[in-house]
Amino acid sequence: MLSAKLAIASHPNHQSIVKLSEGVAIGGKEIVIIAGPCTVENRLQMETVATKLQLSPIQALRGGAYKPRTSPYAFQGLGLEGLEILSAIRHKYNMPIVTEVMCISQIEDIVAHADMLQVGSRNMQNFDLLKALGKVNKPILLKRGLAATIEEFVMAAEYILSEGNSQVVLCERGVRSFDNYTRNILDLGAVVALKQITHLPVIVDPSHAVGKRELVAPLAKAAIACGADGLIIECHPQPEKSVSDARQALSLEDMVALVHSLRLVAAAVGREIPEIVDLPELAIA
C-alpha cells in the first residue's frame, strides 16, 4: 500500500472533496445521492425519472448509455443516442449526470455529455483506460472490481491520480463470494478501511451489491452509518419492466422515501441530507 503515493491520506483529517457541479460535491458534510435507471431506454423514461427525483434531496442522476453485459446478446445500451438524452435531461433539470465509460474511444463523447465518468467493476484494472481518464478534466467514479482486494482497488485509483486527475471517487459495490442469495457481498468493512487509508471520497452502491430491491434500503442506511460519503442507487419508473437489472431497481416512489429515511442516520454520524430548495426554472429542451 505504501506505493500508492497519491491516494493515501497524509493525516487523519486529510479528506478530498470532488465537485460534480455547482452546489454538488462529494466528500463534505452533505451526503450525495445519485439515482436513476441502470440503462437509458428512451427520452420519456429519463423525463419521468428526472421529474420525480428533482422533487427530492437527490443531487445527481445516473443512467447507462453503454452497458457492459455478461451476455453479448443482452441490451448493450443506446450509445451516443443515450448520451444525447442524458445531456438534454441534464440541461433541462439542472442535475449532474453520471454515466459509464467502457473504453478509451468513448471518452470524448461522454465528456461532452456527462459530469462524471463511471468506471465499472469489470474495468477497474483496465489500466490503459484508467491512464486515459487520468488526463480528463472530469470527476471519475471508480467501482471496486468483482474480486479486487482493497489494495488493488486503491492502486487502480492511483493510476488515474498519477496521470494528473485528482477528481476520483471510490465506490464499494460488493465482491463475489461463495454465497448466491445476494448478487454480491457488500463489504462495508472496506468502506471504513478506505476512509482511513485514503483521502478520496467513498460512496456505496447497494443495488449491485445485493441485487434484490427489498435489501437495498437497510444497506443504504448501514453505508451512511459506517461513513460513506454518498450512495448510487438504481431506480426506474416501472422496475419490473427495466431492460436490465430489473430485480434490484427501486420504484421512483420508494427511492424518494429511502432518501428521506436516511436523515436520522446521517444526523447520527454528523452528516446531513440536503433540504429541498426552491427549484430552478427549467430550461427549454
Protein backbone atom coordinates (compact mmCIF):
# COMPACT_ATOMS: atom_id res chain seq x y z
CA MET A 1 0.00 0.00 0.00
CA LEU A 2 2.96 2.33 0.56
CA SER A 3 3.48 2.52 -3.20
CA ALA A 4 0.17 4.40 -3.54
CA LYS A 5 1.74 7.81 -3.13
CA LEU A 6 -1.19 9.98 -4.22
CA ALA A 7 -4.25 8.11 -2.93
CA ILE A 8 -3.05 7.70 0.66
CA ALA A 9 -4.23 10.17 3.29
CA SER A 10 -1.33 12.23 4.64
CA HIS A 11 -3.01 12.66 8.04
CA PRO A 12 -6.29 11.56 9.70
CA ASN A 13 -8.14 14.73 8.66
CA HIS A 14 -6.94 14.72 5.06
CA GLN A 15 -10.17 14.49 3.03
CA SER A 16 -10.58 15.44 -0.60
CA ILE A 17 -13.82 16.84 -1.96
CA VAL A 18 -14.84 16.13 -5.54
CA LYS A 19 -17.15 18.65 -7.17
CA LEU A 20 -19.79 17.32 -9.57
CA SER A 21 -21.39 20.64 -10.37
CA GLU A 22 -22.13 23.98 -8.78
CA GLY A 23 -23.56 23.10 -5.38
CA VAL A 24 -22.95 19.33 -5.57
CA ALA A 25 -19.74 17.99 -4.06
CA ILE A 26 -18.82 14.55 -2.72
CA GLY A 27 -16.75 14.28 0.45
CA GLY A 28 -18.08 17.07 2.63
CA LYS A 29 -20.64 17.02 5.42
CA GLU A 30 -23.52 16.57 2.97
CA ILE A 31 -24.35 13.05 1.80
CA VAL A 32 -24.64 12.92 -2.01
CA ILE A 33 -27.31 10.66 -3.52
CA ILE A 34 -27.01 9.59 -7.16
CA ALA A 35 -30.04 7.76 -8.53
CA GLY A 36 -31.60 6.62 -11.77
CA PRO A 37 -32.03 3.61 -14.04
CA CYS A 38 -29.37 1.09 -14.93
CA THR A 39 -29.87 1.87 -18.61
CA VAL A 40 -31.18 4.81 -20.60
CA GLU A 41 -34.08 3.34 -22.59
CA ASN A 42 -35.71 6.44 -24.10
CA ARG A 43 -36.33 10.15 -23.51
CA LEU A 44 -39.70 9.61 -21.80
CA GLN A 45 -38.16 7.27 -19.26
CA MET A 46 -35.50 9.79 -18.28
CA GLU A 47 -38.01 12.67 -18.24
CA THR A 48 -40.15 10.67 -15.81
CA VAL A 49 -37.16 9.87 -13.61
CA ALA A 50 -35.86 13.44 -13.51
CA THR A 51 -39.29 14.97 -12.90
CA LYS A 52 -39.82 12.77 -9.85
CA LEU A 53 -36.31 12.80 -8.39
CA GLN A 54 -35.73 16.54 -8.67
CA LEU A 55 -38.51 17.00 -6.11
CA SER A 56 -36.40 15.10 -3.55
CA PRO A 57 -32.94 15.59 -1.99
CA ILE A 58 -31.32 13.60 -4.82
CA GLN A 59 -28.49 15.63 -6.28
CA ALA A 60 -27.43 13.70 -9.39
CA LEU A 61 -28.80 11.29 -11.98
CA ARG A 62 -27.28 8.06 -13.21
CA GLY A 63 -28.02 6.20 -16.42
CA GLY A 64 -26.05 3.92 -18.70
CA ALA A 65 -25.60 4.75 -22.40
CA TYR A 66 -23.02 2.00 -22.85
CA LYS A 67 -23.69 -1.20 -20.91
CA PRO A 68 -21.19 -4.00 -20.24
CA ARG A 69 -23.34 -7.14 -20.05
CA THR A 70 -22.48 -10.70 -19.16
CA SER A 71 -24.20 -11.90 -22.34
CA PRO A 72 -23.31 -10.40 -25.73
CA TYR A 73 -26.98 -10.86 -26.68
CA ALA A 74 -28.31 -8.67 -23.87
CA PHE A 75 -29.19 -4.99 -24.44
CA GLN A 76 -25.92 -3.08 -24.77
CA GLY A 77 -27.26 0.46 -24.38
CA LEU A 78 -28.25 3.23 -26.80
CA GLY A 79 -24.74 4.58 -27.17
CA LEU A 80 -24.50 8.14 -28.48
CA GLU A 81 -28.30 8.44 -28.60
CA GLY A 82 -28.38 7.63 -24.88
CA LEU A 83 -25.72 10.26 -24.18
CA GLU A 84 -27.74 12.87 -26.06
CA ILE A 85 -30.81 12.01 -23.98
CA LEU A 86 -28.78 12.35 -20.78
CA SER A 87 -27.38 15.68 -21.95
CA ALA A 88 -30.85 17.04 -22.68
CA ILE A 89 -32.09 15.93 -19.25
CA ARG A 90 -29.02 17.40 -17.58
CA HIS A 91 -29.70 20.76 -19.22
CA LYS A 92 -33.45 20.82 -18.63
CA TYR A 93 -33.45 19.70 -14.99
CA ASN A 94 -30.12 21.17 -13.89
CA MET A 95 -28.94 17.87 -12.40
CA PRO A 96 -25.42 16.49 -12.97
CA ILE A 97 -25.15 13.20 -14.87
CA VAL A 98 -23.08 10.11 -14.04
CA THR A 99 -22.62 7.51 -16.78
CA GLU A 100 -20.26 4.63 -17.51
CA VAL A 101 -17.27 4.65 -19.84
CA MET A 102 -16.10 1.28 -21.16
CA CYS A 103 -13.20 2.14 -23.45
CA ILE A 104 -10.87 4.95 -24.45
CA SER A 105 -12.73 5.65 -27.70
CA GLN A 106 -15.88 6.60 -25.76
CA ILE A 107 -14.23 9.20 -23.52
CA GLU A 108 -14.56 12.22 -25.80
CA ASP A 109 -18.30 11.78 -26.38
CA ILE A 110 -19.04 11.07 -22.72
CA VAL A 111 -17.04 14.08 -21.53
CA ALA A 112 -19.17 16.26 -23.81
CA HIS A 113 -22.45 14.99 -22.32
CA ALA A 114 -21.86 14.00 -18.67
CA ASP A 115 -20.47 15.41 -15.44
CA MET A 116 -18.86 12.25 -14.03
CA LEU A 117 -17.44 9.21 -15.82
CA GLN A 118 -18.00 5.88 -14.12
CA VAL A 119 -15.53 3.02 -14.41
CA GLY A 120 -17.47 -0.20 -13.87
CA SER A 121 -16.20 -3.10 -11.81
CA ARG A 122 -15.18 -5.10 -14.88
CA ASN A 123 -12.85 -2.28 -15.95
CA MET A 124 -11.30 -1.49 -12.57
CA GLN A 125 -7.97 -2.87 -13.78
CA ASN A 126 -8.24 -1.71 -17.39
CA PHE A 127 -5.04 0.23 -16.91
CA ASP A 128 -4.95 1.88 -20.33
CA LEU A 129 -8.46 3.23 -19.71
CA LEU A 130 -7.52 4.40 -16.21
CA LYS A 131 -4.46 6.23 -17.52
CA ALA A 132 -6.51 7.90 -20.24
CA LEU A 133 -9.07 9.03 -17.66
CA GLY A 134 -6.20 10.48 -15.67
CA LYS A 135 -5.81 13.05 -18.44
CA VAL A 136 -9.51 14.04 -18.38
CA ASN A 137 -10.72 17.12 -16.55
CA LYS A 138 -13.85 15.43 -15.20
CA PRO A 139 -14.60 13.55 -11.97
CA ILE A 140 -14.18 9.78 -12.14
CA LEU A 141 -16.30 7.29 -10.20
CA LEU A 142 -14.18 4.15 -9.80
CA LYS A 143 -16.05 0.99 -8.81
CA ARG A 144 -14.33 -1.85 -6.99
CA GLY A 145 -13.64 -4.93 -9.09
CA LEU A 146 -15.65 -8.12 -8.71
CA ALA A 147 -12.89 -9.79 -6.68
CA ALA A 148 -10.47 -6.94 -6.01
CA THR A 149 -8.62 -6.55 -2.75
CA ILE A 150 -8.64 -3.17 -1.05
CA GLU A 151 -5.02 -2.67 -2.06
CA GLU A 152 -5.79 -3.44 -5.71
CA PHE A 153 -8.71 -1.00 -5.57
CA VAL A 154 -6.55 1.80 -4.19
CA MET A 155 -3.83 1.12 -6.74
CA ALA A 156 -6.38 1.35 -9.56
CA ALA A 157 -7.25 4.83 -8.29
CA GLU A 158 -3.53 5.59 -8.21
CA TYR A 159 -3.35 5.01 -11.98
CA ILE A 160 -5.86 7.84 -12.52
CA LEU A 161 -4.28 10.14 -9.96
CA SER A 162 -0.76 9.56 -11.30
CA GLU A 163 -1.78 10.95 -14.70
CA GLY A 164 -2.95 14.23 -13.17
CA ASN A 165 -6.69 13.82 -12.49
CA SER A 166 -7.25 14.30 -8.76
CA GLN A 167 -11.06 14.08 -9.02
CA VAL A 168 -11.55 10.41 -8.08
CA VAL A 169 -14.40 8.94 -6.05
CA LEU A 170 -14.24 5.31 -4.90
CA CYS A 171 -17.34 3.11 -4.97
CA GLU A 172 -17.80 -0.08 -2.98
CA ARG A 173 -20.31 -2.25 -4.89
CA GLY A 174 -19.80 -5.68 -3.43
CA VAL A 175 -17.44 -8.54 -4.23
CA ARG A 176 -18.00 -12.12 -5.35
CA SER A 177 -18.34 -14.88 -2.76
CA PHE A 178 -19.49 -18.48 -2.42
CA ASP A 179 -23.00 -17.31 -1.47
CA ASN A 180 -25.64 -16.77 -4.13
CA TYR A 181 -28.58 -15.44 -2.12
CA THR A 182 -27.40 -11.92 -2.90
CA ARG A 183 -25.76 -10.83 -6.12
CA ASN A 184 -22.53 -9.95 -4.30
CA ILE A 185 -21.34 -9.38 -0.73
CA LEU A 186 -21.37 -5.71 0.28
CA ASP A 187 -18.10 -5.07 2.10
CA LEU A 188 -18.85 -2.24 4.49
CA GLY A 189 -15.59 -3.00 6.28
CA ALA A 190 -13.88 -1.85 3.11
CA VAL A 191 -15.72 1.48 3.33
CA VAL A 192 -14.35 2.07 6.83
CA ALA A 193 -10.85 0.97 5.78
CA LEU A 194 -10.83 3.15 2.66
CA LYS A 195 -11.94 6.17 4.67
CA GLN A 196 -8.94 5.61 6.95
CA ILE A 197 -6.40 4.71 4.27
CA THR A 198 -7.22 7.25 1.58
CA HIS A 199 -8.28 10.87 1.34
CA LEU A 200 -10.64 10.08 -1.55
CA PRO A 201 -14.42 10.23 -1.13
CA VAL A 202 -16.09 6.82 -0.84
CA ILE A 203 -19.65 6.03 -1.87
CA VAL A 204 -21.63 2.79 -1.85
CA ASP A 205 -23.75 1.02 -4.48
CA PRO A 206 -26.14 -1.23 -2.54
CA SER A 207 -28.14 -2.07 -5.68
CA HIS A 208 -25.36 -4.05 -7.38
CA ALA A 209 -24.18 -5.43 -4.08
CA VAL A 210 -27.37 -7.33 -3.27
CA GLY A 211 -29.37 -7.49 -6.49
CA LYS A 212 -32.70 -7.50 -4.64
CA ARG A 213 -34.65 -4.29 -4.17
CA GLU A 214 -36.01 -5.24 -0.73
CA LEU A 215 -32.45 -5.36 0.65
CA VAL A 216 -31.30 -2.01 -0.73
CA ALA A 217 -32.73 0.37 1.91
CA PRO A 218 -31.24 -1.32 5.02
CA LEU A 219 -27.80 -1.50 3.42
CA ALA A 220 -28.04 2.11 2.24
CA LYS A 221 -28.62 3.13 5.86
CA ALA A 222 -25.75 0.94 7.05
CA ALA A 223 -23.44 2.51 4.46
CA ILE A 224 -24.16 6.01 5.74
CA ALA A 225 -23.76 4.84 9.33
CA CYS A 226 -20.28 3.47 8.66
CA GLY A 227 -19.01 6.63 6.99
CA ALA A 228 -19.85 6.55 3.28
CA ASP A 229 -19.93 9.96 1.60
CA GLY A 230 -22.82 9.06 -0.65
CA LEU A 231 -24.87 6.42 -2.42
CA ILE A 232 -25.56 5.43 -6.01
CA ILE A 233 -28.85 3.55 -6.33
CA GLU A 234 -30.84 2.17 -9.23
CA CYS A 235 -34.47 3.16 -9.67
CA HIS A 236 -36.92 3.01 -12.55
CA PRO A 237 -40.46 4.26 -13.35
CA GLN A 238 -41.55 0.61 -13.78
CA PRO A 239 -38.83 -1.54 -12.20
CA GLU A 240 -40.23 -4.85 -13.38
CA LYS A 241 -40.04 -3.62 -16.99
CA SER A 242 -36.45 -2.39 -16.82
CA VAL A 243 -34.39 -3.78 -19.69
CA SER A 244 -31.53 -4.52 -17.28
CA ASP A 245 -31.18 -5.17 -13.55
CA ALA A 246 -34.96 -5.16 -13.07
CA ARG A 247 -34.82 -7.21 -9.88
CA GLN A 248 -32.71 -4.67 -8.00
CA ALA A 249 -34.29 -1.42 -9.17
CA LEU A 250 -36.46 0.57 -6.76
CA SER A 251 -39.60 2.35 -7.86
CA LEU A 252 -39.26 6.13 -8.00
CA GLU A 253 -41.59 6.46 -5.01
CA ASP A 254 -39.51 4.04 -2.95
CA MET A 255 -36.35 5.84 -3.98
CA VAL A 256 -37.64 9.17 -2.72
CA ALA A 257 -38.89 7.59 0.51
CA LEU A 258 -35.50 5.97 1.08
CA VAL A 259 -33.65 9.26 0.80
CA HIS A 260 -35.90 10.91 3.36
CA SER A 261 -35.44 7.92 5.71
CA LEU A 262 -31.68 8.49 5.67
CA ARG A 263 -31.90 11.82 7.50
CA LEU A 264 -31.79 10.42 11.04
CA VAL A 265 -28.93 8.05 10.18
CA ALA A 266 -26.93 10.85 8.61
CA ALA A 267 -27.54 13.14 11.60
CA ALA A 268 -26.41 10.40 14.00
CA VAL A 269 -22.96 10.33 12.39
CA GLY A 270 -22.62 14.09 11.97
CA ARG A 271 -23.66 14.23 8.32
CA GLU A 272 -26.74 15.61 6.61
CA ILE A 273 -29.14 15.00 3.76
CA PRO A 274 -29.76 18.30 1.96
CA GLU A 275 -33.03 20.12 2.32
CA ILE A 276 -35.10 20.69 -0.80
CA VAL A 277 -34.61 24.23 -2.02
CA ASP A 278 -36.65 26.22 -4.50
CA LEU A 279 -36.34 24.54 -7.85
CA PRO A 280 -34.63 26.46 -10.64
CA GLU A 281 -36.76 27.35 -13.61
CA LEU A 282 -36.47 24.54 -16.13
CA ALA A 283 -34.54 25.29 -19.28
CA ILE A 284 -36.19 24.81 -22.63
CA ALA A 285 -35.15 21.40 -24.01
